[in-house]
């Protein structure tokens, strides 16, 4: 699939996720105008969240090279669209879409609505489980995605800021997607012998 087609599909997915998340938000009785709020502290929290996640990921990726290689190889099927490398602006676009769309749906929509019925802790777990499930990842990667989803859920619960988790998610994804793409090509995971 060509990069422009991939970007168009991911952009459409982002739009669908935002509409679904906003729909669940409104269905919960909340005003559409309060779905995402903008404040300086929300940007600061998002930047701090991203910084902490990027630091942890970098320490893991560079400090535990065998684990890093396993995680990169485990994602080869799901990231086959990276066989033809995406330019950095496209990585930013994909990451923004993931941060905005996934947080709108799973934190703003699912977690918020579920929290009204089952309480915040269970809603966080439910939203994080759905977040991990839609990534169709192998078990260890899915477990990591689940933990990250729980972290996003807790930050959202404590701050009430969807913008903060969107920023944190998007900026972290820029680093993670850049790193995974670079390593997949360095390790040759797309080479014919690697697919056997």
Protein backbone atom coordinates (compact mmCIF):
# COMPACT_ATOMS: atom_id res chain seq x y z
CA UNK A 1 0.00 0.00 0.00
CA UNK A 2 1.31 3.44 -0.89
CA UNK A 3 2.21 5.91 1.89
CA UNK A 4 -0.51 8.38 0.82
CA UNK A 5 -3.15 5.65 1.02
CA UNK A 6 -1.90 4.60 4.46
CA UNK A 7 -2.02 8.19 5.70
CA UNK A 8 -5.53 8.64 4.28
CA UNK A 9 -6.77 5.48 6.01
CA UNK A 10 -5.19 6.44 9.32
CA UNK A 11 -6.65 9.94 9.05
CA UNK A 12 -10.09 8.44 8.42
CA UNK A 13 -9.62 6.18 11.44
CA UNK A 14 -8.76 9.20 13.56
CA UNK A 15 -11.93 10.99 12.43
CA UNK A 16 -14.07 7.93 13.20
CA UNK A 17 -12.51 7.53 16.65
CA UNK A 18 -13.04 11.22 17.46
CA UNK A 19 -16.68 11.07 16.36
CA UNK A 20 -17.28 7.89 18.39
CA UNK A 21 -15.53 9.31 21.46
CA UNK A 22 -17.43 12.58 21.24
CA UNK A 23 -20.66 10.64 20.71
CA UNK A 24 -20.08 8.60 23.89
CA UNK A 25 -19.20 11.80 25.75
CA UNK A 26 -22.43 13.49 24.69
CA UNK A 27 -24.42 10.29 25.33
CA UNK A 28 -23.12 10.42 28.91
CA UNK A 29 -24.92 13.75 29.29
CA UNK A 30 -21.93 16.03 28.92
CA UNK A 31 -21.72 19.05 26.65
CA UNK A 32 -19.80 18.65 23.39
CA UNK A 33 -18.12 21.97 24.12
CA UNK A 34 -16.37 20.52 27.16
CA UNK A 35 -14.95 17.44 25.43
CA UNK A 36 -11.50 18.99 25.02
CA UNK A 37 -10.45 22.05 26.97
CA UNK A 38 -7.32 24.11 26.40
CA UNK A 39 -5.19 25.49 29.18
CA UNK A 40 -1.52 26.09 29.80
CA UNK A 41 -1.40 23.52 32.57
CA UNK A 42 -2.89 20.91 30.22
CA UNK A 43 -0.08 21.47 27.73
CA UNK A 44 2.48 21.25 30.55
CA UNK A 45 1.00 17.98 31.85
CA UNK A 46 0.96 16.54 28.33
CA UNK A 47 4.59 17.50 27.75
CA UNK A 48 5.63 16.05 31.12
CA UNK A 49 3.75 12.80 30.38
CA UNK A 50 5.41 12.53 26.97
CA UNK A 51 8.82 13.28 28.42
CA UNK A 52 8.47 10.59 31.09
CA UNK A 53 7.28 7.99 28.57
CA UNK A 54 9.99 8.83 26.05
CA UNK A 55 12.68 8.66 28.74
CA UNK A 56 11.40 5.28 29.95
CA UNK A 57 11.16 3.96 26.38
CA UNK A 58 14.64 5.23 25.48
CA UNK A 59 16.14 3.64 28.60
CA UNK A 60 14.42 0.36 27.70
CA UNK A 61 15.23 0.45 23.98
CA UNK A 62 18.87 1.42 24.38
CA UNK A 63 19.54 -0.19 27.76
CA UNK A 64 17.96 -3.57 27.02
CA UNK A 65 18.85 -4.25 23.38
CA UNK A 66 17.68 -7.90 23.36
CA UNK A 67 14.25 -6.92 24.72
CA UNK A 68 14.13 -4.03 22.29
CA UNK A 69 14.87 -6.32 19.36
CA UNK A 70 12.21 -8.79 20.50
CA UNK A 71 9.60 -6.02 20.79
CA UNK A 72 10.51 -4.61 17.37
CA UNK A 73 10.33 -8.02 15.71
CA UNK A 74 7.06 -8.83 17.49
CA UNK A 75 5.44 -5.82 15.85
CA UNK A 76 6.58 -6.58 12.29
CA UNK A 77 3.18 -7.84 11.11
CA UNK A 78 1.25 -4.89 12.55
CA UNK A 79 3.77 -2.40 11.22
CA UNK A 80 4.18 -3.88 7.75
CA UNK A 81 3.16 -0.45 6.40
CA UNK A 82 6.64 0.68 7.45
CA UNK A 83 8.33 -1.58 4.89
CA UNK A 84 8.61 1.51 2.70
CA UNK A 85 9.90 3.98 5.30
CA UNK A 86 7.63 6.88 6.19
CA UNK A 87 9.27 10.30 6.10
CA UNK A 88 9.44 12.05 9.46
CA UNK A 89 6.50 14.43 8.72
CA UNK A 90 4.35 11.35 8.01
CA UNK A 91 5.45 9.80 11.32
CA UNK A 92 4.32 13.00 13.05
CA UNK A 93 0.98 12.88 11.20
CA UNK A 94 0.35 9.23 12.13
CA UNK A 95 1.32 9.92 15.74
CA UNK A 96 -0.96 12.97 16.00
CA UNK A 97 -3.81 10.88 14.62
CA UNK A 98 -3.21 8.11 17.13
CA UNK A 99 -2.90 10.51 20.05
CA UNK A 100 -6.00 12.47 19.16
CA UNK A 101 -8.24 9.66 17.91
CA UNK A 102 -7.37 6.94 20.40
CA UNK A 103 -7.55 9.24 23.41
CA UNK A 104 -10.84 10.74 22.21
CA UNK A 105 -12.37 7.28 21.94
CA UNK A 106 -10.82 5.34 24.81
CA UNK A 107 -10.37 8.01 27.49
CA UNK A 108 -12.85 10.72 26.49
CA UNK A 109 -15.56 8.31 25.35
CA UNK A 110 -15.25 4.81 26.80
CA UNK A 111 -13.58 5.65 30.13
CA UNK A 112 -15.83 8.63 30.80
CA UNK A 113 -19.09 6.82 30.03
CA UNK A 114 -18.05 3.59 31.76
CA UNK A 115 -16.88 5.57 34.79
CA UNK A 116 -20.42 6.83 35.30
CA UNK A 117 -21.61 3.24 35.76
CA UNK A 118 -18.74 1.18 37.14
CA UNK A 119 -16.48 3.78 38.75
CA UNK A 120 -13.20 5.24 37.56
CA UNK A 121 -10.79 2.38 38.43
CA UNK A 122 -12.75 -0.27 36.52
CA UNK A 123 -13.44 2.17 33.69
CA UNK A 124 -9.69 2.80 33.37
CA UNK A 125 -9.04 -0.95 33.16
CA UNK A 126 -11.86 -1.44 30.62
CA UNK A 127 -10.69 1.43 28.40
CA UNK A 128 -7.06 0.26 28.62
CA UNK A 129 -8.07 -3.31 27.69
CA UNK A 130 -10.00 -2.09 24.65
CA UNK A 131 -7.09 0.21 23.76
CA UNK A 132 -4.71 -2.77 23.84
CA UNK A 133 -7.13 -5.00 21.93
CA UNK A 134 -7.48 -2.66 18.94
CA UNK A 135 -3.72 -2.79 18.41
CA UNK A 136 -3.89 -6.54 17.59
CA UNK A 137 -0.47 -6.96 19.18
CA UNK A 138 1.34 -10.06 20.37
CA UNK A 139 0.90 -10.78 24.13
CA UNK A 140 3.95 -8.96 25.55
CA UNK A 141 3.41 -5.92 23.33
CA UNK A 142 -0.32 -5.95 24.19
CA UNK A 143 0.56 -6.03 27.90
CA UNK A 144 2.82 -2.99 27.47
CA UNK A 145 0.09 -1.18 25.52
CA UNK A 146 -2.38 -2.05 28.29
CA UNK A 147 -0.07 -0.60 30.97
CA UNK A 148 0.40 2.57 28.91
CA UNK A 149 -3.40 2.75 28.52
CA UNK A 150 -3.82 2.48 32.28
CA UNK A 151 -1.28 5.28 32.74
CA UNK A 152 -3.14 7.49 30.26
CA UNK A 153 -6.40 6.61 32.03
CA UNK A 154 -5.06 7.54 35.46
CA UNK A 155 -3.64 10.83 34.18
CA UNK A 156 -6.96 11.62 32.52
CA UNK A 157 -8.90 10.67 35.68
CA UNK A 158 -6.68 12.78 37.92
CA UNK A 159 -6.44 15.83 35.66
CA UNK A 160 -9.74 15.73 33.75
CA UNK A 161 -7.72 16.84 30.73
CA UNK A 162 -8.21 14.97 27.49
CA UNK A 163 -5.79 17.39 25.83
CA UNK A 164 -2.99 16.39 28.22
CA UNK A 165 -3.26 12.69 27.38
CA UNK A 166 -3.63 13.46 23.67
CA UNK A 167 -0.38 15.46 23.75
CA UNK A 168 1.43 12.86 25.83
CA UNK A 169 0.26 10.02 23.59
CA UNK A 170 1.04 11.80 20.31
CA UNK A 171 4.54 12.93 21.30
CA UNK A 172 5.42 9.53 22.73
CA UNK A 173 4.21 7.89 19.51
CA UNK A 174 6.46 10.15 17.41
CA UNK A 175 9.47 8.78 19.27
CA UNK A 176 8.24 5.17 19.38
CA UNK A 177 7.22 5.02 15.71
CA UNK A 178 10.48 6.66 14.59
CA UNK A 179 12.49 4.19 16.68
CA UNK A 180 10.51 1.10 15.61
CA UNK A 181 10.74 2.03 11.93
CA UNK A 182 14.50 2.68 12.19
CA UNK A 183 15.10 -0.60 14.03
CA UNK A 184 12.89 -2.68 11.73
CA UNK A 185 15.02 -1.59 8.79
CA UNK A 186 18.30 -1.97 10.68
CA UNK A 187 17.31 -5.52 11.70
CA UNK A 188 16.02 -6.37 8.24
CA UNK A 189 12.62 -7.57 9.45
CA UNK A 190 11.11 -6.88 6.04
CA UNK A 191 13.76 -8.89 4.16
CA UNK A 192 12.39 -12.10 2.54
CA UNK A 193 14.34 -14.38 4.88
CA UNK A 194 13.01 -12.49 7.95
CA UNK A 195 9.42 -13.24 6.91
CA UNK A 196 9.91 -17.01 6.85
